[in-house]
Amino acid sequence: MHVISKTLLKQFWEKHLNAESGLKSWYKIASQSQWKHLEDVRQTFPHADAVGQLTVFNICGNNYRLIVKIVFPKGKVYIRAMLTHAE
């Protein structure tokens, strides 16, 4: 999958240092994946949740949430938001 954009992840982990390893791991796995539908995503990340048109990933044991829009036919993952659990 083509993740757009790693820069957004980097900006987040520079503010939240504890998120860096989890986000780097997610990015590596997601960019090497070839998901065709949500069930493929859940095989890779069992706790991924669909919320409307978006997919939410728990990062670092649910301390952070990564919200993305996945366009399966194009193989694109668009980062929409990264939040702390409190947010």
PDB file of N, CA and C in Angstrom:
ATOM      1  N   MET A   1       0.856  -1.176   0.000  1.00  0.00           N
ATOM      2  CA  MET A   1       0.000   0.000   0.000  1.00  0.00           C
ATOM      3  C   MET A   1       0.898   1.235   0.000  1.00  0.00           C
ATOM      4  N   HIS A   2       0.414   2.268  -0.629  1.00  0.00           N
ATOM      5  CA  HIS A   2       1.125   3.541  -0.649  1.00  0.00           C
ATOM      6  C   HIS A   2       0.537   4.416   0.456  1.00  0.00           C
ATOM      7  N   VAL A   3       1.328   4.657   1.502  1.00  0.00           N
ATOM      8  CA  VAL A   3       0.870   5.435   2.651  1.00  0.00           C
ATOM      9  C   VAL A   3       1.205   6.903   2.416  1.00  0.00           C
ATOM     10  N   ILE A   4       0.202   7.753   2.517  1.00  0.00           N
ATOM     11  CA  ILE A   4       0.374   9.181   2.297  1.00  0.00           C
ATOM     12  C   ILE A   4      -0.028   9.897   3.586  1.00  0.00           C
ATOM     13  N   SER A   5       0.834  10.422   4.316  1.00  0.00           N
ATOM     14  CA  SER A   5       2.245  10.600   4.085  1.00  0.00           C
ATOM     15  C   SER A   5       3.004  10.298   5.364  1.00  0.00           C
ATOM     16  N   LYS A   6       4.176   9.738   5.209  1.00  0.00           N
ATOM     17  CA  LYS A   6       5.019   9.411   6.359  1.00  0.00           C
ATOM     18  C   LYS A   6       5.409  10.673   7.117  1.00  0.00           C
ATOM     19  N   THR A   7       5.491  11.791   6.416  1.00  0.00           N
ATOM     20  CA  THR A   7       5.842  13.060   7.063  1.00  0.00           C
ATOM     21  C   THR A   7       4.870  13.389   8.193  1.00  0.00           C
ATOM     22  N   LEU A   8       3.597  13.120   7.988  1.00  0.00           N
ATOM     23  CA  LEU A   8       2.605  13.379   9.035  1.00  0.00           C
ATOM     24  C   LEU A   8       2.855  12.504  10.261  1.00  0.00           C
ATOM     25  N   LEU A   9       3.230  11.257  10.021  1.00  0.00           N
ATOM     26  CA  LEU A   9       3.555  10.367  11.140  1.00  0.00           C
ATOM     27  C   LEU A   9       4.764  10.901  11.890  1.00  0.00           C
ATOM     28  N   LYS A  10       5.775  11.314  11.148  1.00  0.00           N
ATOM     29  CA  LYS A  10       7.006  11.822  11.760  1.00  0.00           C
ATOM     30  C   LYS A  10       6.726  13.064  12.606  1.00  0.00           C
ATOM     31  N   GLN A  11       5.910  13.961  12.099  1.00  0.00           N
ATOM     32  CA  GLN A  11       5.566  15.165  12.863  1.00  0.00           C
ATOM     33  C   GLN A  11       4.891  14.795  14.180  1.00  0.00           C
ATOM     34  N   PHE A  12       4.053  13.770  14.153  1.00  0.00           N
ATOM     35  CA  PHE A  12       3.372  13.343  15.368  1.00  0.00           C
ATOM     36  C   PHE A  12       4.352  12.720  16.345  1.00  0.00           C
ATOM     37  N   TRP A  13       5.234  11.817  15.873  1.00  0.00           N
ATOM     38  CA  TRP A  13       6.125  11.153  16.823  1.00  0.00           C
ATOM     39  C   TRP A  13       7.200  12.095  17.337  1.00  0.00           C
ATOM     40  N   GLU A  14       7.470  13.188  16.655  1.00  0.00           N
ATOM     41  CA  GLU A  14       8.402  14.177  17.198  1.00  0.00           C
ATOM     42  C   GLU A  14       7.796  14.893  18.403  1.00  0.00           C
ATOM     43  N   LYS A  15       6.472  14.997  18.453  1.00  0.00           N
ATOM     44  CA  LYS A  15       5.783  15.598  19.600  1.00  0.00           C
ATOM     45  C   LYS A  15       5.491  14.563  20.684  1.00  0.00           C
ATOM     46  N   HIS A  16       5.286  13.320  20.272  1.00  0.00           N
ATOM     47  CA  HIS A  16       4.925  12.226  21.183  1.00  0.00           C
ATOM     48  C   HIS A  16       5.958  11.110  20.987  1.00  0.00           C
ATOM     49  N   LEU A  17       7.082  11.237  21.679  1.00  0.00           N
ATOM     50  CA  LEU A  17       8.214  10.332  21.451  1.00  0.00           C
ATOM     51  C   LEU A  17       7.863   8.865  21.674  1.00  0.00           C
ATOM     52  N   ASN A  18       6.943   8.585  22.585  1.00  0.00           N
ATOM     53  CA  ASN A  18       6.567   7.193  22.852  1.00  0.00           C
ATOM     54  C   ASN A  18       5.834   6.548  21.680  1.00  0.00           C
ATOM     55  N   ALA A  19       5.338   7.353  20.757  1.00  0.00           N
ATOM     56  CA  ALA A  19       4.595   6.824  19.609  1.00  0.00           C
ATOM     57  C   ALA A  19       5.508   6.404  18.462  1.00  0.00           C
ATOM     58  N   GLU A  20       6.766   6.808  18.492  1.00  0.00           N
ATOM     59  CA  GLU A  20       7.651   6.593  17.341  1.00  0.00           C
ATOM     60  C   GLU A  20       7.772   5.135  16.925  1.00  0.00           C
ATOM     61  N   SER A  21       8.096   4.250  17.844  1.00  0.00           N
ATOM     62  CA  SER A  21       8.315   2.848  17.454  1.00  0.00           C
ATOM     63  C   SER A  21       7.026   2.216  16.920  1.00  0.00           C
ATOM     64  N   GLY A  22       5.895   2.511  17.543  1.00  0.00           N
ATOM     65  CA  GLY A  22       4.627   1.952  17.084  1.00  0.00           C
ATOM     66  C   GLY A  22       4.230   2.457  15.709  1.00  0.00           C
ATOM     67  N   LEU A  23       4.432   3.750  15.461  1.00  0.00           N
ATOM     68  CA  LEU A  23       4.085   4.316  14.158  1.00  0.00           C
ATOM     69  C   LEU A  23       5.026   3.831  13.065  1.00  0.00           C
ATOM     70  N   LYS A  24       6.309   3.709  13.397  1.00  0.00           N
ATOM     71  CA  LYS A  24       7.259   3.182  12.404  1.00  0.00           C
ATOM     72  C   LYS A  24       6.912   1.740  12.050  1.00  0.00           C
ATOM     73  N   SER A  25       6.558   0.967  13.049  1.00  0.00           N
ATOM     74  CA  SER A  25       6.178  -0.427  12.814  1.00  0.00           C
ATOM     75  C   SER A  25       4.915  -0.500  11.957  1.00  0.00           C
ATOM     76  N   TRP A  26       3.901   0.301  12.297  1.00  0.00           N
ATOM     77  CA  TRP A  26       2.667   0.325  11.506  1.00  0.00           C
ATOM     78  C   TRP A  26       2.968   0.717  10.062  1.00  0.00           C
ATOM     79  N   TYR A  27       3.775   1.748   9.875  1.00  0.00           N
ATOM     80  CA  TYR A  27       4.099   2.229   8.530  1.00  0.00           C
ATOM     81  C   TYR A  27       4.793   1.138   7.704  1.00  0.00           C
ATOM     82  N   LYS A  28       5.757   0.475   8.312  1.00  0.00           N
ATOM     83  CA  LYS A  28       6.494  -0.569   7.593  1.00  0.00           C
ATOM     84  C   LYS A  28       5.547  -1.693   7.160  1.00  0.00           C
ATOM     85  N   ILE A  29       4.716  -2.142   8.072  1.00  0.00           N
ATOM     86  CA  ILE A  29       3.783  -3.231   7.757  1.00  0.00           C
ATOM     87  C   ILE A  29       2.762  -2.788   6.713  1.00  0.00           C
ATOM     88  N   ALA A  30       2.170  -1.609   6.911  1.00  0.00           N
ATOM     89  CA  ALA A  30       1.137  -1.124   5.985  1.00  0.00           C
ATOM     90  C   ALA A  30       1.705  -0.918   4.591  1.00  0.00           C
ATOM     91  N   SER A  31       2.906  -0.351   4.485  1.00  0.00           N
ATOM     92  CA  SER A  31       3.445  -0.076   3.155  1.00  0.00           C
ATOM     93  C   SER A  31       3.898  -1.341   2.436  1.00  0.00           C
ATOM     94  N   GLN A  32       4.081  -2.431   3.161  1.00  0.00           N
ATOM     95  CA  GLN A  32       4.454  -3.690   2.523  1.00  0.00           C
ATOM     96  C   GLN A  32       3.232  -4.571   2.242  1.00  0.00           C
ATOM     97  N   SER A  33       2.066  -4.120   2.680  1.00  0.00           N
ATOM     98  CA  SER A  33       0.836  -4.903   2.518  1.00  0.00           C
ATOM     99  C   SER A  33       0.163  -4.600   1.185  1.00  0.00           C
ATOM    100  N   GLN A  34      -0.717  -5.511   0.791  1.00  0.00           N
ATOM    101  CA  GLN A  34      -1.527  -5.327  -0.418  1.00  0.00           C
ATOM    102  C   GLN A  34      -2.975  -5.662  -0.075  1.00  0.00           C
ATOM    103  N   TRP A  35      -3.567  -4.816   0.755  1.00  0.00           N
ATOM    104  CA  TRP A  35      -4.926  -5.046   1.204  1.00  0.00           C
ATOM    105  C   TRP A  35      -5.917  -4.831   0.071  1.00  0.00           C
ATOM    106  N   LYS A  36      -6.904  -5.694  -0.007  1.00  0.00           N
ATOM    107  CA  LYS A  36      -7.968  -5.581  -1.007  1.00  0.00           C
ATOM    108  C   LYS A  36      -9.303  -5.194  -0.375  1.00  0.00           C
ATOM    109  N   HIS A  37      -9.452  -5.461   0.927  1.00  0.00           N
ATOM    110  CA  HIS A  37     -10.665  -5.093   1.644  1.00  0.00           C
ATOM    111  C   HIS A  37     -10.375  -5.085   3.134  1.00  0.00           C
ATOM    112  N   LEU A  38     -11.338  -4.636   3.920  1.00  0.00           N
ATOM    113  CA  LEU A  38     -11.139  -4.461   5.358  1.00  0.00           C
ATOM    114  C   LEU A  38     -10.724  -5.750   6.055  1.00  0.00           C
ATOM    115  N   GLU A  39     -11.229  -6.877   5.614  1.00  0.00           N
ATOM    116  CA  GLU A  39     -10.847  -8.140   6.254  1.00  0.00           C
ATOM    117  C   GLU A  39      -9.348  -8.410   6.116  1.00  0.00           C
ATOM    118  N   ASP A  40      -8.745  -7.996   5.014  1.00  0.00           N
ATOM    119  CA  ASP A  40      -7.289  -8.120   4.865  1.00  0.00           C
ATOM    120  C   ASP A  40      -6.581  -7.270   5.910  1.00  0.00           C
ATOM    121  N   VAL A  41      -7.097  -6.066   6.121  1.00  0.00           N
ATOM    122  CA  VAL A  41      -6.516  -5.172   7.128  1.00  0.00           C
ATOM    123  C   VAL A  41      -6.607  -5.828   8.497  1.00  0.00           C
ATOM    124  N   ARG A  42      -7.754  -6.412   8.804  1.00  0.00           N
ATOM    125  CA  ARG A  42      -7.952  -7.030  10.120  1.00  0.00           C
ATOM    126  C   ARG A  42      -7.125  -8.297  10.303  1.00  0.00           C
ATOM    127  N   GLN A  43      -6.751  -8.950   9.233  1.00  0.00           N
ATOM    128  CA  GLN A  43      -5.836 -10.088   9.372  1.00  0.00           C
ATOM    129  C   GLN A  43      -4.459  -9.594   9.797  1.00  0.00           C
ATOM    130  N   THR A  44      -4.092  -8.415   9.326  1.00  0.00           N
ATOM    131  CA  THR A  44      -2.802  -7.827   9.679  1.00  0.00           C
ATOM    132  C   THR A  44      -2.875  -7.135  11.033  1.00  0.00           C
ATOM    133  N   PHE A  45      -3.925  -6.352  11.241  1.00  0.00           N
ATOM    134  CA  PHE A  45      -4.138  -5.589  12.475  1.00  0.00           C
ATOM    135  C   PHE A  45      -5.522  -5.942  13.021  1.00  0.00           C
ATOM    136  N   PRO A  46      -5.616  -6.967  13.876  1.00  0.00           N
ATOM    137  CA  PRO A  46      -6.920  -7.459  14.333  1.00  0.00           C
ATOM    138  C   PRO A  46      -7.800  -6.419  15.029  1.00  0.00           C
ATOM    139  N   HIS A  47      -7.198  -5.384  15.603  1.00  0.00           N
ATOM    140  CA  HIS A  47      -7.987  -4.394  16.337  1.00  0.00           C
ATOM    141  C   HIS A  47      -8.332  -3.173  15.498  1.00  0.00           C
ATOM    142  N   ALA A  48      -8.105  -3.232  14.198  1.00  0.00           N
ATOM    143  CA  ALA A  48      -8.499  -2.126  13.318  1.00  0.00           C
ATOM    144  C   ALA A  48     -10.021  -2.064  13.259  1.00  0.00           C
ATOM    145  N   ASP A  49     -10.547  -0.856  13.352  1.00  0.00           N
ATOM    146  CA  ASP A  49     -11.997  -0.672  13.342  1.00  0.00           C
ATOM    147  C   ASP A  49     -12.415   0.237  12.200  1.00  0.00           C
ATOM    148  N   ALA A  50     -13.485  -0.127  11.532  1.00  0.00           N
ATOM    149  CA  ALA A  50     -14.076   0.734  10.511  1.00  0.00           C
ATOM    150  C   ALA A  50     -15.035   1.689  11.207  1.00  0.00           C
ATOM    151  N   VAL A  51     -14.880   2.969  10.907  1.00  0.00           N
ATOM    152  CA  VAL A  51     -15.768   4.001  11.432  1.00  0.00           C
ATOM    153  C   VAL A  51     -16.202   4.834  10.237  1.00  0.00           C
ATOM    154  N   GLY A  52     -17.358   4.522   9.723  1.00  0.00           N
ATOM    155  CA  GLY A  52     -17.799   5.167   8.490  1.00  0.00           C
ATOM    156  C   GLY A  52     -16.863   4.795   7.349  1.00  0.00           C
ATOM    157  N   GLN A  53     -16.344   5.784   6.665  1.00  0.00           N
ATOM    158  CA  GLN A  53     -15.423   5.577   5.543  1.00  0.00           C
ATOM    159  C   GLN A  53     -13.968   5.477   5.995  1.00  0.00           C
ATOM    160  N   LEU A  54     -13.728   5.577   7.299  1.00  0.00           N
ATOM    161  CA  LEU A  54     -12.365   5.607   7.829  1.00  0.00           C
ATOM    162  C   LEU A  54     -12.038   4.315   8.569  1.00  0.00           C
ATOM    163  N   THR A  55     -10.745   4.100   8.776  1.00  0.00           N
ATOM    164  CA  THR A  55     -10.268   2.959   9.550  1.00  0.00           C
ATOM    165  C   THR A  55      -9.421   3.501  10.686  1.00  0.00           C
ATOM    166  N   VAL A  56      -9.639   2.984  11.889  1.00  0.00           N
ATOM    167  CA  VAL A  56      -8.933   3.444  13.080  1.00  0.00           C
ATOM    168  C   VAL A  56      -8.039   2.316  13.581  1.00  0.00           C
ATOM    169  N   PHE A  57      -6.759   2.664  13.798  1.00  0.00           N
ATOM    170  CA  PHE A  57      -5.778   1.719  14.320  1.00  0.00           C
ATOM    171  C   PHE A  57      -5.363   2.162  15.715  1.00  0.00           C
ATOM    172  N   ASN A  58      -5.269   1.214  16.638  1.00  0.00           N
ATOM    173  CA  ASN A  58      -4.712   1.484  17.956  1.00  0.00           C
ATOM    174  C   ASN A  58      -3.204   1.311  17.861  1.00  0.00           C
ATOM    175  N   ILE A  59      -2.476   2.308  18.331  1.00  0.00           N
ATOM    176  CA  ILE A  59      -1.016   2.305  18.264  1.00  0.00           C
ATOM    177  C   ILE A  59      -0.466   2.310  19.684  1.00  0.00           C
ATOM    178  N   CYS A  60       0.564   1.545  19.923  1.00  0.00           N
ATOM    179  CA  CYS A  60       1.226   1.480  21.237  1.00  0.00           C
ATOM    180  C   CYS A  60       0.239   1.113  22.340  1.00  0.00           C
ATOM    181  N   GLY A  61      -0.434   0.000  22.154  1.00  0.00           N
ATOM    182  CA  GLY A  61      -1.342  -0.491  23.193  1.00  0.00           C
ATOM    183  C   GLY A  61      -2.508   0.437  23.462  1.00  0.00           C
ATOM    184  N   ASN A  62      -3.038   1.060  22.427  1.00  0.00           N
ATOM    185  CA  ASN A  62      -4.192   1.953  22.511  1.00  0.00           C
ATOM    186  C   ASN A  62      -3.872   3.290  23.168  1.00  0.00           C
ATOM    187  N   ASN A  63      -2.585   3.635  23.300  1.00  0.00           N
ATOM    188  CA  ASN A  63      -2.223   4.963  23.797  1.00  0.00           C
ATOM    189  C   ASN A  63      -2.457   6.032  22.736  1.00  0.00           C
ATOM    190  N   TYR A  64      -2.407   5.620  21.482  1.00  0.00           N
ATOM    191  CA  TYR A  64      -2.580   6.540  20.355  1.00  0.00           C
ATOM    192  C   TYR A  64      -3.546   5.920  19.355  1.00  0.00           C
ATOM    193  N   ARG A  65      -4.202   6.788  18.587  1.00  0.00           N
ATOM    194  CA  ARG A  65      -5.102   6.317  17.535  1.00  0.00           C
ATOM    195  C   ARG A  65      -4.677   6.934  16.219  1.00  0.00           C
ATOM    196  N   LEU A  66      -4.579   6.097  15.220  1.00  0.00           N
ATOM    197  CA  LEU A  66      -4.243   6.517  13.866  1.00  0.00           C
ATOM    198  C   LEU A  66      -5.493   6.326  13.017  1.00  0.00           C
ATOM    199  N   ILE A  67      -5.947   7.405  12.394  1.00  0.00           N
ATOM    200  CA  ILE A  67      -7.173   7.371  11.592  1.00  0.00           C
ATOM    201  C   ILE A  67      -6.799   7.586  10.135  1.00  0.00           C
ATOM    202  N   VAL A  68      -7.206   6.649   9.299  1.00  0.00           N
ATOM    203  CA  VAL A  68      -6.835   6.697   7.881  1.00  0.00           C
ATOM    204  C   VAL A  68      -8.051   6.445   6.997  1.00  0.00           C
ATOM    205  N   LYS A  69      -7.919   6.844   5.759  1.00  0.00           N
ATOM    206  CA  LYS A  69      -8.890   6.476   4.719  1.00  0.00           C
ATOM    207  C   LYS A  69      -8.149   5.566   3.758  1.00  0.00           C
ATOM    208  N   ILE A  70      -8.655   4.371   3.568  1.00  0.00           N
ATOM    209  CA  ILE A  70      -8.022   3.407   2.670  1.00  0.00           C
ATOM    210  C   ILE A  70      -8.831   3.343   1.383  1.00  0.00           C
ATOM    211  N   VAL A  71      -8.155   3.567   0.270  1.00  0.00           N
ATOM    212  CA  VAL A  71      -8.781   3.430  -1.050  1.00  0.00           C
ATOM    213  C   VAL A  71      -8.226   2.132  -1.631  1.00  0.00           C
ATOM    214  N   PHE A  72      -8.930   1.044  -1.378  1.00  0.00           N
ATOM    215  CA  PHE A  72      -8.439  -0.284  -1.730  1.00  0.00           C
ATOM    216  C   PHE A  72      -8.123  -0.452  -3.212  1.00  0.00           C
ATOM    217  N   PRO A  73      -8.991  -0.032  -4.143  1.00  0.00           N
ATOM    218  CA  PRO A  73      -8.683  -0.265  -5.564  1.00  0.00           C
ATOM    219  C   PRO A  73      -7.401   0.431  -6.036  1.00  0.00           C
ATOM    220  N   LYS A  74      -7.073   1.557  -5.404  1.00  0.00           N
ATOM    221  CA  LYS A  74      -5.871   2.306  -5.800  1.00  0.00           C
ATOM    222  C   LYS A  74      -4.650   1.944  -4.965  1.00  0.00           C
ATOM    223  N   GLY A  75      -4.850   1.153  -3.906  1.00  0.00           N
ATOM    224  CA  GLY A  75      -3.738   0.777  -3.047  1.00  0.00           C
ATOM    225  C   GLY A  75      -3.178   1.951  -2.261  1.00  0.00           C
ATOM    226  N   LYS A  76      -4.047   2.872  -1.849  1.00  0.00           N
ATOM    227  CA  LYS A  76      -3.621   4.088  -1.143  1.00  0.00           C
ATOM    228  C   LYS A  76      -4.178   4.106   0.275  1.00  0.00           C
ATOM    229  N   VAL A  77      -3.350   4.599   1.196  1.00  0.00           N
ATOM    230  CA  VAL A  77      -3.760   4.815   2.576  1.00  0.00           C
ATOM    231  C   VAL A  77      -3.475   6.280   2.890  1.00  0.00           C
ATOM    232  N   TYR A  78      -4.528   7.047   3.119  1.00  0.00           N
ATOM    233  CA  TYR A  78      -4.393   8.474   3.401  1.00  0.00           C
ATOM    234  C   TYR A  78      -4.534   8.707   4.900  1.00  0.00           C
ATOM    235  N   ILE A  79      -3.512   9.273   5.514  1.00  0.00           N
ATOM    236  CA  ILE A  79      -3.569   9.565   6.939  1.00  0.00           C
ATOM    237  C   ILE A  79      -4.469  10.778   7.145  1.00  0.00           C
ATOM    238  N   ARG A  80      -5.474  10.621   7.988  1.00  0.00           N
ATOM    239  CA  ARG A  80      -6.421  11.702   8.266  1.00  0.00           C
ATOM    240  C   ARG A  80      -6.166  12.357   9.615  1.00  0.00           C
ATOM    241  N   ALA A  81      -5.780  11.560  10.626  1.00  0.00           N
ATOM    242  CA  ALA A  81      -5.540  12.126  11.957  1.00  0.00           C
ATOM    243  C   ALA A  81      -4.747  11.145  12.795  1.00  0.00           C
ATOM    244  N   MET A  82      -4.002  11.702  13.729  1.00  0.00           N
ATOM    245  CA  MET A  82      -3.320  10.925  14.750  1.00  0.00           C
ATOM    246  C   MET A  82      -3.641  11.589  16.074  1.00  0.00           C
ATOM    247  N   LEU A  83      -4.113  10.808  17.020  1.00  0.00           N
ATOM    248  CA  LEU A  83      -4.585  11.360  18.282  1.00  0.00           C
ATOM    249  C   LEU A  83      -4.034  10.564  19.447  1.00  0.00           C
ATOM    250  N   THR A  84      -3.899  11.237  20.585  1.00  0.00           N
ATOM    251  CA  THR A  84      -3.631  10.496  21.805  1.00  0.00           C
ATOM    252  C   THR A  84      -4.951   9.873  22.234  1.00  0.00           C
ATOM    253  N   HIS A  85      -4.893   8.904  23.126  1.00  0.00           N
ATOM    254  CA  HIS A  85      -6.133   8.273  23.590  1.00  0.00           C
ATOM    255  C   HIS A  85      -7.051   9.317  24.223  1.00  0.00           C
ATOM    256  N   ALA A  86      -6.475  10.245  24.964  1.00  0.00           N
ATOM    257  CA  ALA A  86      -7.269  11.279  25.630  1.00  0.00           C
ATOM    258  C   ALA A  86      -7.993  12.179  24.636  1.00  0.00           C
ATOM    259  N   GLU A  87      -7.381  12.414  23.485  1.00  0.00           N
ATOM    260  CA  GLU A  87      -8.006  13.275  22.477  1.00  0.00           C
ATOM    261  C   GLU A  87      -9.167  12.562  21.817  1.00  0.00           C
TER     262      GLU A  87
END
